[in-house]
Amino acid sequence: MLIEQKKKLRNPIVQQYLFELVLPFAGYFFFDWSILIIGIYYLIDQFVGQLLFVRRYLWVANQGNVKKIPPFLFVLIIPHFLIIFFLESYAFHGVLTELNGMSWSAFKSEIGTFAAEELWLLFPVMLLAYHMMDQFSFYMPRRYLNFTERKYGFANVLQNTLILALTMIIAIIAITFRFSDTWLLIIFVLLKIGFDLFSHQFLMKRIQNDK
């Protein structure tokens, strides 16, 4: 049993989820991270995930031998994500304004401080974590051969749209019921892990092996 547990902990996918679960709580309770920093962490996490998706998409489109960049990437996938990312950031700022009275200048100032003190190190660590997970779960088992370019791209568009819808619902509920920062943190973490484990996996299973 102990050996099996150790093998699971060596799995980059398990390590990634442990990282996403433990780091926000450790930052909030031990490193004095505010709920703003936790929110920025998850926004950056989504941004990094999208960067690595673009690489995976290129492998799917070229069946592992990247020679061309599909126009679909610039026509829909990247513009759609940028709009989604802006709307999520706007909704997050709206929640902080309503619950904590945070001004736009204070919002930008705290982000700048976080970027200068911690994000410069955290960003490459997140990139490495996603890269290792992709190597283990996508490239080494040659899963890029299981998808078609268009369906893989549309799945990403749908997933990001669902994340935006979920973000808006959380923002409305949080403002309506005046959640504390601690409850917002718990909701952030549980929904992020739950979404990745269930919605993402469901979408990937629905679109693979359908060429």
N, C-alpha and C. Protein backbone atom coordinates (compact mmCIF):
# COMPACT_ATOMS: atom_id res chain seq x y z
N MET A 1 0.83 -1.21 0.00
CA MET A 1 0.00 0.00 0.00
C MET A 1 0.87 1.26 0.00
N LEU A 2 1.91 1.26 0.84
CA LEU A 2 2.80 2.42 0.92
C LEU A 2 3.53 2.63 -0.39
N ILE A 3 3.95 1.53 -1.02
CA ILE A 3 4.66 1.63 -2.30
C ILE A 3 3.75 2.21 -3.38
N GLU A 4 2.48 1.76 -3.39
CA GLU A 4 1.51 2.28 -4.36
C GLU A 4 1.29 3.77 -4.17
N GLN A 5 1.21 4.20 -2.91
CA GLN A 5 1.02 5.62 -2.63
C GLN A 5 2.21 6.44 -3.11
N LYS A 6 3.42 5.90 -2.93
CA LYS A 6 4.63 6.60 -3.38
C LYS A 6 4.64 6.73 -4.90
N LYS A 7 4.18 5.67 -5.59
CA LYS A 7 4.13 5.72 -7.05
C LYS A 7 3.15 6.78 -7.52
N LYS A 8 2.01 6.89 -6.83
CA LYS A 8 1.02 7.90 -7.19
C LYS A 8 1.58 9.30 -6.99
N LEU A 9 2.34 9.48 -5.92
CA LEU A 9 2.90 10.80 -5.64
C LEU A 9 3.96 11.20 -6.66
N ARG A 10 4.58 10.22 -7.31
CA ARG A 10 5.57 10.52 -8.34
C ARG A 10 4.91 10.89 -9.67
N ASN A 11 3.64 10.60 -9.79
CA ASN A 11 2.90 10.92 -11.00
C ASN A 11 2.79 12.44 -11.14
N PRO A 12 3.29 13.03 -12.27
CA PRO A 12 3.23 14.50 -12.44
C PRO A 12 1.82 15.07 -12.37
N ILE A 13 0.81 14.28 -12.78
CA ILE A 13 -0.56 14.76 -12.73
C ILE A 13 -0.99 14.93 -11.27
N VAL A 14 -0.67 13.93 -10.43
CA VAL A 14 -0.99 14.01 -9.01
C VAL A 14 -0.23 15.17 -8.37
N GLN A 15 1.05 15.32 -8.72
CA GLN A 15 1.86 16.41 -8.18
C GLN A 15 1.29 17.77 -8.56
N GLN A 16 0.78 17.88 -9.80
CA GLN A 16 0.20 19.14 -10.26
C GLN A 16 -1.02 19.51 -9.42
N TYR A 17 -1.89 18.54 -9.17
CA TYR A 17 -3.09 18.85 -8.39
C TYR A 17 -2.77 19.11 -6.91
N LEU A 18 -1.77 18.40 -6.38
CA LEU A 18 -1.34 18.69 -5.02
C LEU A 18 -0.78 20.11 -4.93
N PHE A 19 -0.03 20.50 -5.95
CA PHE A 19 0.53 21.85 -6.02
C PHE A 19 -0.57 22.89 -6.02
N GLU A 20 -1.61 22.65 -6.83
CA GLU A 20 -2.72 23.60 -6.94
C GLU A 20 -3.58 23.61 -5.68
N LEU A 21 -3.58 22.51 -4.95
CA LEU A 21 -4.38 22.41 -3.74
C LEU A 21 -3.66 23.01 -2.53
N VAL A 22 -2.39 22.67 -2.40
CA VAL A 22 -1.64 23.05 -1.20
C VAL A 22 -1.15 24.50 -1.26
N LEU A 23 -0.62 24.94 -2.41
CA LEU A 23 0.00 26.26 -2.49
C LEU A 23 -0.94 27.40 -2.11
N PRO A 24 -2.18 27.46 -2.61
CA PRO A 24 -3.05 28.58 -2.22
C PRO A 24 -3.33 28.62 -0.72
N PHE A 25 -3.56 27.45 -0.11
CA PHE A 25 -3.82 27.43 1.33
C PHE A 25 -2.57 27.82 2.11
N ALA A 26 -1.40 27.32 1.67
CA ALA A 26 -0.15 27.68 2.34
C ALA A 26 0.11 29.18 2.20
N GLY A 27 -0.13 29.71 1.00
CA GLY A 27 0.08 31.13 0.78
C GLY A 27 -0.84 31.99 1.63
N TYR A 28 -2.09 31.56 1.74
CA TYR A 28 -3.09 32.35 2.48
C TYR A 28 -2.84 32.30 3.99
N PHE A 29 -2.57 31.10 4.52
CA PHE A 29 -2.49 30.94 5.96
C PHE A 29 -1.08 31.15 6.53
N PHE A 30 -0.03 30.97 5.69
CA PHE A 30 1.33 31.03 6.23
C PHE A 30 2.19 32.13 5.61
N PHE A 31 1.86 32.57 4.37
CA PHE A 31 2.70 33.56 3.69
C PHE A 31 1.98 34.89 3.47
N ASP A 32 0.85 35.05 4.13
CA ASP A 32 0.13 36.32 4.13
C ASP A 32 -0.34 36.72 2.73
N TRP A 33 -0.70 35.73 1.90
CA TRP A 33 -1.29 36.05 0.60
C TRP A 33 -2.72 36.53 0.83
N SER A 34 -3.12 37.59 0.16
CA SER A 34 -4.50 38.05 0.22
C SER A 34 -5.34 37.25 -0.77
N ILE A 35 -6.66 37.42 -0.71
CA ILE A 35 -7.53 36.74 -1.66
C ILE A 35 -7.28 37.26 -3.07
N LEU A 36 -6.79 38.48 -3.20
CA LEU A 36 -6.41 39.01 -4.51
C LEU A 36 -5.27 38.18 -5.10
N ILE A 37 -4.26 37.90 -4.29
CA ILE A 37 -3.12 37.13 -4.77
C ILE A 37 -3.55 35.71 -5.15
N ILE A 38 -4.45 35.13 -4.36
CA ILE A 38 -4.94 33.79 -4.68
C ILE A 38 -5.66 33.82 -6.04
N GLY A 39 -6.49 34.85 -6.25
CA GLY A 39 -7.19 34.97 -7.52
C GLY A 39 -6.24 35.16 -8.69
N ILE A 40 -5.22 35.99 -8.49
CA ILE A 40 -4.21 36.19 -9.54
C ILE A 40 -3.47 34.89 -9.83
N TYR A 41 -3.19 34.14 -8.77
CA TYR A 41 -2.53 32.85 -8.94
C TYR A 41 -3.34 31.94 -9.88
N TYR A 42 -4.66 31.89 -9.67
CA TYR A 42 -5.48 31.03 -10.50
C TYR A 42 -5.65 31.58 -11.92
N LEU A 43 -5.66 32.89 -12.05
CA LEU A 43 -5.70 33.47 -13.40
C LEU A 43 -4.40 33.16 -14.16
N ILE A 44 -3.27 33.28 -13.48
CA ILE A 44 -1.99 32.95 -14.11
C ILE A 44 -1.93 31.46 -14.42
N ASP A 45 -2.48 30.65 -13.52
CA ASP A 45 -2.52 29.21 -13.75
C ASP A 45 -3.31 28.90 -15.03
N GLN A 46 -4.42 29.58 -15.21
CA GLN A 46 -5.22 29.38 -16.43
C GLN A 46 -4.44 29.86 -17.66
N PHE A 47 -3.74 30.99 -17.53
CA PHE A 47 -2.96 31.52 -18.64
C PHE A 47 -1.84 30.55 -19.05
N VAL A 48 -1.14 30.02 -18.06
CA VAL A 48 -0.07 29.06 -18.33
C VAL A 48 -0.65 27.80 -18.98
N GLY A 49 -1.78 27.34 -18.44
CA GLY A 49 -2.42 26.18 -19.03
C GLY A 49 -2.78 26.39 -20.49
N GLN A 50 -3.22 27.61 -20.83
CA GLN A 50 -3.57 27.92 -22.22
C GLN A 50 -2.33 27.96 -23.10
N LEU A 51 -1.24 28.48 -22.59
CA LEU A 51 0.01 28.48 -23.35
C LEU A 51 0.42 27.06 -23.73
N LEU A 52 0.34 26.16 -22.75
CA LEU A 52 0.72 24.78 -23.02
C LEU A 52 -0.31 24.08 -23.90
N PHE A 53 -1.57 24.54 -23.82
CA PHE A 53 -2.58 23.99 -24.74
C PHE A 53 -2.22 24.31 -26.19
N VAL A 54 -1.76 25.53 -26.45
CA VAL A 54 -1.40 25.92 -27.82
C VAL A 54 -0.35 24.97 -28.37
N ARG A 55 0.62 24.61 -27.54
CA ARG A 55 1.64 23.65 -27.98
C ARG A 55 1.01 22.29 -28.28
N ARG A 56 0.13 21.83 -27.40
CA ARG A 56 -0.53 20.54 -27.63
C ARG A 56 -1.39 20.59 -28.89
N TYR A 57 -2.07 21.72 -29.09
CA TYR A 57 -2.93 21.87 -30.27
C TYR A 57 -2.12 21.77 -31.57
N LEU A 58 -0.94 22.38 -31.56
CA LEU A 58 -0.09 22.31 -32.75
C LEU A 58 0.34 20.87 -33.02
N TRP A 59 0.59 20.11 -31.97
CA TRP A 59 0.96 18.70 -32.15
C TRP A 59 -0.23 17.90 -32.68
N VAL A 60 -1.42 18.20 -32.18
CA VAL A 60 -2.62 17.51 -32.69
C VAL A 60 -2.83 17.85 -34.16
N ALA A 61 -2.73 19.13 -34.49
CA ALA A 61 -2.98 19.58 -35.87
C ALA A 61 -1.97 18.99 -36.84
N ASN A 62 -0.74 18.75 -36.37
CA ASN A 62 0.31 18.25 -37.25
C ASN A 62 0.68 16.79 -36.98
N GLN A 63 -0.12 16.16 -36.12
CA GLN A 63 0.10 14.74 -35.78
C GLN A 63 1.53 14.47 -35.30
N GLY A 64 2.04 15.39 -34.50
CA GLY A 64 3.34 15.19 -33.86
C GLY A 64 4.52 15.73 -34.63
N ASN A 65 4.31 16.18 -35.86
CA ASN A 65 5.41 16.71 -36.67
C ASN A 65 5.06 18.14 -37.07
N VAL A 66 5.32 19.09 -36.17
CA VAL A 66 4.84 20.46 -36.33
C VAL A 66 5.56 21.15 -37.49
N LYS A 67 4.77 21.46 -38.54
CA LYS A 67 5.32 22.14 -39.71
C LYS A 67 4.51 23.39 -40.07
N LYS A 68 3.26 23.44 -39.61
CA LYS A 68 2.40 24.58 -39.97
C LYS A 68 1.59 25.01 -38.75
N ILE A 69 1.16 26.26 -38.79
CA ILE A 69 0.30 26.81 -37.73
C ILE A 69 -1.10 26.99 -38.32
N PRO A 70 -2.08 26.25 -37.84
CA PRO A 70 -3.43 26.36 -38.39
C PRO A 70 -4.02 27.75 -38.16
N PRO A 71 -4.67 28.34 -39.16
CA PRO A 71 -5.29 29.67 -38.99
C PRO A 71 -6.38 29.68 -37.93
N PHE A 72 -6.99 28.52 -37.67
CA PHE A 72 -8.03 28.40 -36.66
C PHE A 72 -7.54 28.87 -35.29
N LEU A 73 -6.22 28.73 -35.06
CA LEU A 73 -5.63 29.13 -33.79
C LEU A 73 -5.78 30.64 -33.57
N PHE A 74 -5.57 31.42 -34.63
CA PHE A 74 -5.61 32.88 -34.51
C PHE A 74 -6.99 33.45 -34.81
N VAL A 75 -7.82 32.68 -35.51
CA VAL A 75 -9.16 33.15 -35.84
C VAL A 75 -10.11 33.02 -34.66
N LEU A 76 -9.98 31.92 -33.91
CA LEU A 76 -10.93 31.66 -32.82
C LEU A 76 -10.28 31.43 -31.47
N ILE A 77 -9.34 30.49 -31.38
CA ILE A 77 -8.87 30.01 -30.08
C ILE A 77 -8.21 31.11 -29.26
N ILE A 78 -7.22 31.80 -29.81
CA ILE A 78 -6.50 32.83 -29.05
C ILE A 78 -7.37 34.05 -28.77
N PRO A 79 -8.10 34.61 -29.78
CA PRO A 79 -8.99 35.76 -29.46
C PRO A 79 -10.04 35.40 -28.42
N HIS A 80 -10.61 34.21 -28.53
CA HIS A 80 -11.64 33.79 -27.57
C HIS A 80 -11.06 33.74 -26.16
N PHE A 81 -9.88 33.16 -26.01
CA PHE A 81 -9.27 33.06 -24.68
C PHE A 81 -8.97 34.44 -24.10
N LEU A 82 -8.46 35.35 -24.92
CA LEU A 82 -8.12 36.68 -24.43
C LEU A 82 -9.37 37.42 -23.93
N ILE A 83 -10.48 37.27 -24.64
CA ILE A 83 -11.74 37.89 -24.20
C ILE A 83 -12.20 37.26 -22.88
N ILE A 84 -12.14 35.93 -22.82
CA ILE A 84 -12.53 35.21 -21.59
C ILE A 84 -11.66 35.66 -20.42
N PHE A 85 -10.37 35.75 -20.64
CA PHE A 85 -9.43 36.12 -19.59
C PHE A 85 -9.71 37.53 -19.07
N PHE A 86 -10.01 38.45 -19.99
CA PHE A 86 -10.34 39.82 -19.59
C PHE A 86 -11.62 39.85 -18.76
N LEU A 87 -12.65 39.12 -19.19
CA LEU A 87 -13.92 39.12 -18.48
C LEU A 87 -13.78 38.49 -17.09
N GLU A 88 -12.97 37.45 -16.98
CA GLU A 88 -12.74 36.83 -15.67
C GLU A 88 -12.03 37.80 -14.74
N SER A 89 -11.03 38.50 -15.26
CA SER A 89 -10.30 39.47 -14.45
C SER A 89 -11.22 40.60 -14.00
N TYR A 90 -12.09 41.03 -14.89
CA TYR A 90 -13.05 42.09 -14.57
C TYR A 90 -14.02 41.63 -13.48
N ALA A 91 -14.51 40.38 -13.61
CA ALA A 91 -15.44 39.84 -12.61
C ALA A 91 -14.75 39.71 -11.25
N PHE A 92 -13.50 39.28 -11.26
CA PHE A 92 -12.75 39.13 -10.01
C PHE A 92 -12.55 40.48 -9.33
N HIS A 93 -12.19 41.48 -10.13
CA HIS A 93 -12.04 42.82 -9.57
C HIS A 93 -13.37 43.32 -9.01
N GLY A 94 -14.47 43.01 -9.70
CA GLY A 94 -15.79 43.42 -9.21
C GLY A 94 -16.12 42.82 -7.86
N VAL A 95 -15.76 41.54 -7.67
CA VAL A 95 -16.01 40.88 -6.38
C VAL A 95 -15.21 41.56 -5.28
N LEU A 96 -13.94 41.84 -5.54
CA LEU A 96 -13.10 42.49 -4.52
C LEU A 96 -13.59 43.90 -4.22
N THR A 97 -14.08 44.58 -5.23
CA THR A 97 -14.61 45.93 -5.01
C THR A 97 -15.84 45.89 -4.12
N GLU A 98 -16.74 44.93 -4.40
CA GLU A 98 -17.98 44.83 -3.63
C GLU A 98 -17.75 44.34 -2.21
N LEU A 99 -16.87 43.36 -2.05
CA LEU A 99 -16.70 42.74 -0.73
C LEU A 99 -15.68 43.46 0.13
N ASN A 100 -14.61 43.97 -0.47
CA ASN A 100 -13.52 44.56 0.31
C ASN A 100 -13.31 46.04 0.03
N GLY A 101 -14.09 46.61 -0.89
CA GLY A 101 -13.94 48.02 -1.21
C GLY A 101 -12.61 48.36 -1.85
N MET A 102 -12.05 47.42 -2.61
CA MET A 102 -10.73 47.65 -3.21
C MET A 102 -10.84 48.53 -4.45
N SER A 103 -10.05 49.58 -4.50
CA SER A 103 -10.03 50.47 -5.65
C SER A 103 -9.17 49.89 -6.76
N TRP A 104 -9.31 50.45 -7.96
CA TRP A 104 -8.51 49.99 -9.10
C TRP A 104 -7.03 50.23 -8.87
N SER A 105 -6.67 51.36 -8.27
CA SER A 105 -5.26 51.66 -8.02
C SER A 105 -4.67 50.68 -7.01
N ALA A 106 -5.44 50.33 -5.97
CA ALA A 106 -4.95 49.36 -4.99
C ALA A 106 -4.83 47.98 -5.62
N PHE A 107 -5.75 47.66 -6.52
CA PHE A 107 -5.74 46.39 -7.24
C PHE A 107 -4.45 46.27 -8.05
N LYS A 108 -4.13 47.31 -8.80
CA LYS A 108 -2.91 47.29 -9.62
C LYS A 108 -1.65 47.30 -8.77
N SER A 109 -1.68 48.02 -7.67
CA SER A 109 -0.51 48.11 -6.80
C SER A 109 -0.16 46.76 -6.19
N GLU A 110 -1.18 46.05 -5.71
CA GLU A 110 -0.92 44.75 -5.07
C GLU A 110 -0.44 43.73 -6.10
N ILE A 111 -0.98 43.80 -7.30
CA ILE A 111 -0.52 42.90 -8.36
C ILE A 111 0.94 43.19 -8.70
N GLY A 112 1.28 44.47 -8.79
CA GLY A 112 2.67 44.84 -9.09
C GLY A 112 3.63 44.35 -8.02
N THR A 113 3.25 44.47 -6.77
CA THR A 113 4.09 44.00 -5.67
C THR A 113 4.28 42.49 -5.73
N PHE A 114 3.18 41.78 -5.98
CA PHE A 114 3.24 40.31 -6.07
C PHE A 114 4.13 39.88 -7.24
N ALA A 115 4.01 40.57 -8.38
CA ALA A 115 4.82 40.23 -9.55
C ALA A 115 6.30 40.43 -9.26
N ALA A 116 6.64 41.51 -8.58
CA ALA A 116 8.04 41.83 -8.31
C ALA A 116 8.65 40.90 -7.27
N GLU A 117 7.85 40.48 -6.30
CA GLU A 117 8.40 39.72 -5.18
C GLU A 117 8.31 38.21 -5.36
N GLU A 118 7.26 37.71 -6.02
CA GLU A 118 7.05 36.26 -6.06
C GLU A 118 6.71 35.70 -7.43
N LEU A 119 5.96 36.45 -8.24
CA LEU A 119 5.48 35.90 -9.50
C LEU A 119 6.62 35.59 -10.47
N TRP A 120 7.70 36.34 -10.41
CA TRP A 120 8.82 36.10 -11.32
C TRP A 120 9.39 34.69 -11.14
N LEU A 121 9.27 34.13 -9.92
CA LEU A 121 9.72 32.77 -9.67
C LEU A 121 8.59 31.76 -9.86
N LEU A 122 7.38 32.13 -9.44
CA LEU A 122 6.25 31.22 -9.51
C LEU A 122 5.86 30.89 -10.94
N PHE A 123 5.96 31.88 -11.85
CA PHE A 123 5.54 31.66 -13.23
C PHE A 123 6.34 30.54 -13.91
N PRO A 124 7.68 30.56 -13.88
CA PRO A 124 8.41 29.45 -14.51
C PRO A 124 8.18 28.11 -13.81
N VAL A 125 7.95 28.12 -12.49
CA VAL A 125 7.64 26.88 -11.79
C VAL A 125 6.33 26.29 -12.29
N MET A 126 5.34 27.15 -12.51
CA MET A 126 4.06 26.69 -13.05
C MET A 126 4.22 26.16 -14.47
N LEU A 127 5.02 26.83 -15.27
CA LEU A 127 5.29 26.35 -16.63
C LEU A 127 5.92 24.96 -16.59
N LEU A 128 6.90 24.79 -15.71
CA LEU A 128 7.58 23.50 -15.60
C LEU A 128 6.61 22.41 -15.15
N ALA A 129 5.74 22.74 -14.19
CA ALA A 129 4.79 21.75 -13.68
C ALA A 129 3.84 21.30 -14.79
N TYR A 130 3.32 22.26 -15.57
CA TYR A 130 2.42 21.90 -16.68
C TYR A 130 3.18 21.12 -17.76
N HIS A 131 4.41 21.50 -18.01
CA HIS A 131 5.21 20.80 -19.01
C HIS A 131 5.42 19.34 -18.61
N MET A 132 5.76 19.11 -17.35
CA MET A 132 5.99 17.74 -16.89
C MET A 132 4.70 16.92 -16.96
N MET A 133 3.59 17.54 -16.61
CA MET A 133 2.31 16.83 -16.69
C MET A 133 1.98 16.47 -18.14
N ASP A 134 2.23 17.40 -19.06
CA ASP A 134 1.98 17.13 -20.48
C ASP A 134 2.88 16.02 -21.00
N GLN A 135 4.15 16.05 -20.61
CA GLN A 135 5.08 15.01 -21.05
C GLN A 135 4.58 13.63 -20.64
N PHE A 136 4.10 13.56 -19.41
CA PHE A 136 3.67 12.27 -18.86
C PHE A 136 2.33 11.82 -19.42
N SER A 137 1.40 12.75 -19.63
CA SER A 137 0.03 12.37 -19.96
C SER A 137 -0.36 12.59 -21.42
N PHE A 138 0.50 13.31 -22.20
CA PHE A 138 0.11 13.65 -23.57
C PHE A 138 1.15 13.26 -24.61
N TYR A 139 2.40 13.66 -24.41
CA TYR A 139 3.42 13.44 -25.44
C TYR A 139 3.98 12.02 -25.42
N MET A 140 4.39 11.55 -24.23
CA MET A 140 4.98 10.22 -24.16
C MET A 140 4.01 9.12 -24.60
N PRO A 141 2.74 9.16 -24.19
CA PRO A 141 1.79 8.14 -24.68
C PRO A 141 1.23 8.44 -26.07
N ARG A 142 1.72 9.51 -26.70
CA ARG A 142 1.33 9.90 -28.07
C ARG A 142 -0.18 10.11 -28.18
N ARG A 143 -0.75 10.78 -27.20
CA ARG A 143 -2.20 11.02 -27.19
C ARG A 143 -2.62 12.04 -28.24
N TYR A 144 -1.66 12.80 -28.77
CA TYR A 144 -2.00 13.76 -29.81
C TYR A 144 -2.52 13.06 -31.07
N LEU A 145 -2.29 11.76 -31.18
CA LEU A 145 -2.79 11.00 -32.31
C LEU A 145 -4.27 10.62 -32.15
N ASN A 146 -4.81 10.84 -30.94
CA ASN A 146 -6.19 10.43 -30.66
C ASN A 146 -7.22 11.52 -30.95
N PHE A 147 -6.76 12.71 -31.36
CA PHE A 147 -7.67 13.83 -31.53
C PHE A 147 -7.60 14.39 -32.94
N THR A 148 -8.66 15.09 -33.31
CA THR A 148 -8.65 15.86 -34.54
C THR A 148 -8.46 17.34 -34.19
N GLU A 149 -7.86 18.06 -35.11
CA GLU A 149 -7.53 19.47 -34.87
C GLU A 149 -8.74 20.30 -34.48
N ARG A 150 -9.81 20.21 -35.25
CA ARG A 150 -10.95 21.09 -35.03
C ARG A 150 -11.68 20.77 -33.73
N LYS A 151 -11.90 19.50 -33.45
CA LYS A 151 -12.61 19.14 -32.23
C LYS A 151 -11.78 19.44 -30.98
N TYR A 152 -10.49 19.26 -31.08
CA TYR A 152 -9.62 19.58 -29.95
C TYR A 152 -9.65 21.08 -29.68
N GLY A 153 -9.67 21.88 -30.73
CA GLY A 153 -9.76 23.33 -30.57
C GLY A 153 -11.09 23.77 -30.01
N PHE A 154 -12.18 23.20 -30.53
CA PHE A 154 -13.51 23.56 -30.03
C PHE A 154 -13.70 23.14 -28.58
N ALA A 155 -13.09 22.03 -28.19
CA ALA A 155 -13.17 21.59 -26.80
C ALA A 155 -12.52 22.62 -25.87
N ASN A 156 -11.42 23.21 -26.32
CA ASN A 156 -10.76 24.25 -25.52
C ASN A 156 -11.63 25.49 -25.42
N VAL A 157 -12.27 25.88 -26.53
CA VAL A 157 -13.16 27.03 -26.52
C VAL A 157 -14.33 26.78 -25.56
N LEU A 158 -14.91 25.60 -25.61
CA LEU A 158 -16.02 25.26 -24.73
C LEU A 158 -15.58 25.25 -23.27
N GLN A 159 -14.41 24.69 -23.02
CA GLN A 159 -13.91 24.62 -21.65
C GLN A 159 -13.70 26.01 -21.06
N ASN A 160 -13.08 26.91 -21.83
CA ASN A 160 -12.86 28.27 -21.34
C ASN A 160 -14.18 29.02 -21.14
N THR A 161 -15.16 28.74 -22.01
CA THR A 161 -16.47 29.36 -21.84
C THR A 161 -17.14 28.88 -20.56
N LEU A 162 -17.01 27.59 -20.25
CA LEU A 162 -17.56 27.05 -19.01
C LEU A 162 -16.88 27.66 -17.79
N ILE A 163 -15.57 27.87 -17.87
CA ILE A 163 -14.84 28.49 -16.77
C ILE A 163 -15.34 29.91 -16.54
N LEU A 164 -15.57 30.66 -17.63
CA LEU A 164 -16.10 32.01 -17.49
C LEU A 164 -17.48 32.00 -16.85
N ALA A 165 -18.35 31.09 -17.31
CA ALA A 165 -19.70 31.00 -16.75
C ALA A 165 -19.64 30.67 -15.27
N LEU A 166 -18.75 29.75 -14.90
CA LEU A 166 -18.59 29.37 -13.50
C LEU A 166 -18.08 30.54 -12.68
N THR A 167 -17.14 31.29 -13.25
CA THR A 167 -16.59 32.47 -12.56
C THR A 167 -17.67 33.50 -12.30
N MET A 168 -18.51 33.75 -13.30
CA MET A 168 -19.58 34.73 -13.15
C MET A 168 -20.60 34.29 -12.09
N ILE A 169 -20.92 32.99 -12.09
CA ILE A 169 -21.86 32.48 -11.10
C ILE A 169 -21.30 32.63 -9.68
N ILE A 170 -20.02 32.29 -9.53
CA ILE A 170 -19.37 32.43 -8.22
C ILE A 170 -19.35 33.89 -7.78
N ALA A 171 -19.06 34.79 -8.73
CA ALA A 171 -19.00 36.22 -8.41
C ALA A 171 -20.36 36.72 -7.91
N ILE A 172 -21.43 36.32 -8.60
CA ILE A 172 -22.77 36.75 -8.21
C ILE A 172 -23.14 36.20 -6.83
N ILE A 173 -22.86 34.90 -6.62
CA ILE A 173 -23.19 34.27 -5.33
C ILE A 173 -22.37 34.89 -4.20
N ALA A 174 -21.06 35.12 -4.46
CA ALA A 174 -20.19 35.69 -3.44
C ALA A 174 -20.65 37.08 -3.01
N ILE A 175 -21.06 37.90 -3.98
CA ILE A 175 -21.53 39.25 -3.66
C ILE A 175 -22.89 39.21 -2.96
N THR A 176 -23.75 38.31 -3.42
CA THR A 176 -25.09 38.21 -2.83
C THR A 176 -25.04 37.78 -1.37
N PHE A 177 -24.22 36.77 -1.08
CA PHE A 177 -24.18 36.21 0.27
C PHE A 177 -23.01 36.73 1.10
N ARG A 178 -22.24 37.67 0.53
CA ARG A 178 -21.15 38.33 1.25
C ARG A 178 -20.17 37.32 1.86
N PHE A 179 -19.62 36.47 1.01
CA PHE A 179 -18.67 35.47 1.49
C PHE A 179 -17.43 36.12 2.07
N SER A 180 -16.86 35.47 3.07
CA SER A 180 -15.58 35.91 3.62
C SER A 180 -14.46 35.46 2.69
N ASP A 181 -13.26 36.02 2.88
CA ASP A 181 -12.12 35.64 2.05
C ASP A 181 -11.79 34.16 2.19
N THR A 182 -11.93 33.62 3.40
CA THR A 182 -11.63 32.20 3.62
C THR A 182 -12.56 31.31 2.82
N TRP A 183 -13.85 31.64 2.82
CA TRP A 183 -14.80 30.85 2.04
C TRP A 183 -14.56 30.98 0.55
N LEU A 184 -14.17 32.17 0.10
CA LEU A 184 -13.83 32.35 -1.32
C LEU A 184 -12.65 31.46 -1.71
N LEU A 185 -11.67 31.38 -0.82
CA LEU A 185 -10.50 30.54 -1.09
C LEU A 185 -10.91 29.07 -1.21
N ILE A 186 -11.71 28.60 -0.27
CA ILE A 186 -12.15 27.20 -0.30
C ILE A 186 -12.93 26.91 -1.58
N ILE A 187 -13.80 27.83 -1.97
CA ILE A 187 -14.60 27.64 -3.19
C ILE A 187 -13.70 27.63 -4.41
N PHE A 188 -12.74 28.57 -4.49
CA PHE A 188 -11.78 28.62 -5.60
C PHE A 188 -11.12 27.25 -5.79
N VAL A 189 -10.56 26.74 -4.70
CA VAL A 189 -9.77 25.51 -4.78
C VAL A 189 -10.64 24.31 -5.16
N LEU A 190 -11.76 24.14 -4.48
CA LEU A 190 -12.61 22.98 -4.73
C LEU A 190 -13.17 22.96 -6.15
N LEU A 191 -13.60 24.12 -6.63
CA LEU A 191 -14.17 24.18 -7.97
C LEU A 191 -13.11 24.00 -9.05
N LYS A 192 -11.91 24.54 -8.81
CA LYS A 192 -10.82 24.38 -9.79
C LYS A 192 -10.45 22.90 -9.93
N ILE A 193 -10.23 22.23 -8.82
CA ILE A 193 -9.86 20.82 -8.87
C ILE A 193 -11.01 19.99 -9.43
N GLY A 194 -12.23 20.29 -8.97
CA GLY A 194 -13.39 19.55 -9.46
C GLY A 194 -13.59 19.71 -10.95
N PHE A 195 -13.41 20.94 -11.45
CA PHE A 195 -13.58 21.19 -12.88
C PHE A 195 -12.54 20.42 -13.69
N ASP A 196 -11.29 20.45 -13.24
CA ASP A 196 -10.23 19.76 -13.97
C ASP A 196 -10.45 18.25 -13.98
N LEU A 197 -10.88 17.70 -12.85
CA LEU A 197 -11.01 16.26 -12.74
C LEU A 197 -12.22 15.71 -13.48
N PHE A 198 -13.29 16.48 -13.55
CA PHE A 198 -14.53 15.95 -14.12
C PHE A 198 -14.85 16.55 -15.49
N SER A 199 -15.02 17.87 -15.58
CA SER A 199 -15.41 18.49 -16.84
C SER A 199 -14.35 18.32 -17.92
N HIS A 200 -13.09 18.60 -17.56
CA HIS A 200 -12.02 18.48 -18.54
C HIS A 200 -11.87 17.04 -19.03
N GLN A 201 -11.85 16.10 -18.10
CA GLN A 201 -11.71 14.70 -18.48
C GLN A 201 -12.89 14.24 -19.34
N PHE A 202 -14.09 14.70 -19.00
CA PHE A 202 -15.27 14.33 -19.77
C PHE A 202 -15.16 14.83 -21.21
N LEU A 203 -14.73 16.09 -21.38
CA LEU A 203 -14.59 16.65 -22.72
C LEU A 203 -13.56 15.89 -23.54
N MET A 204 -12.42 15.56 -22.91
CA MET A 204 -11.37 14.86 -23.64
C MET A 204 -11.83 13.47 -24.09
N LYS A 205 -12.60 12.80 -23.23
CA LYS A 205 -13.09 11.48 -23.61
C LYS A 205 -14.11 11.56 -24.73
N ARG A 206 -14.87 12.64 -24.76
CA ARG A 206 -15.91 12.78 -25.78
C ARG A 206 -15.33 13.03 -27.16
N ILE A 207 -14.16 13.65 -27.25
CA ILE A 207 -13.66 14.04 -28.56
C ILE A 207 -12.55 13.13 -29.09
N GLN A 208 -12.03 12.24 -28.26
CA GLN A 208 -10.92 11.41 -28.76
C GLN A 208 -11.42 10.21 -29.56
N ASN A 209 -10.52 9.71 -30.40
CA ASN A 209 -10.83 8.54 -31.23
C ASN A 209 -12.04 8.76 -32.13
N ASP A 210 -12.18 9.98 -32.63
CA ASP A 210 -13.32 10.29 -33.50
C ASP A 210 -12.82 11.03 -34.73
N LYS A 211 -12.18 10.34 -35.59
CA LYS A 211 -11.54 10.95 -36.76
C LYS A 211 -12.32 10.66 -38.03
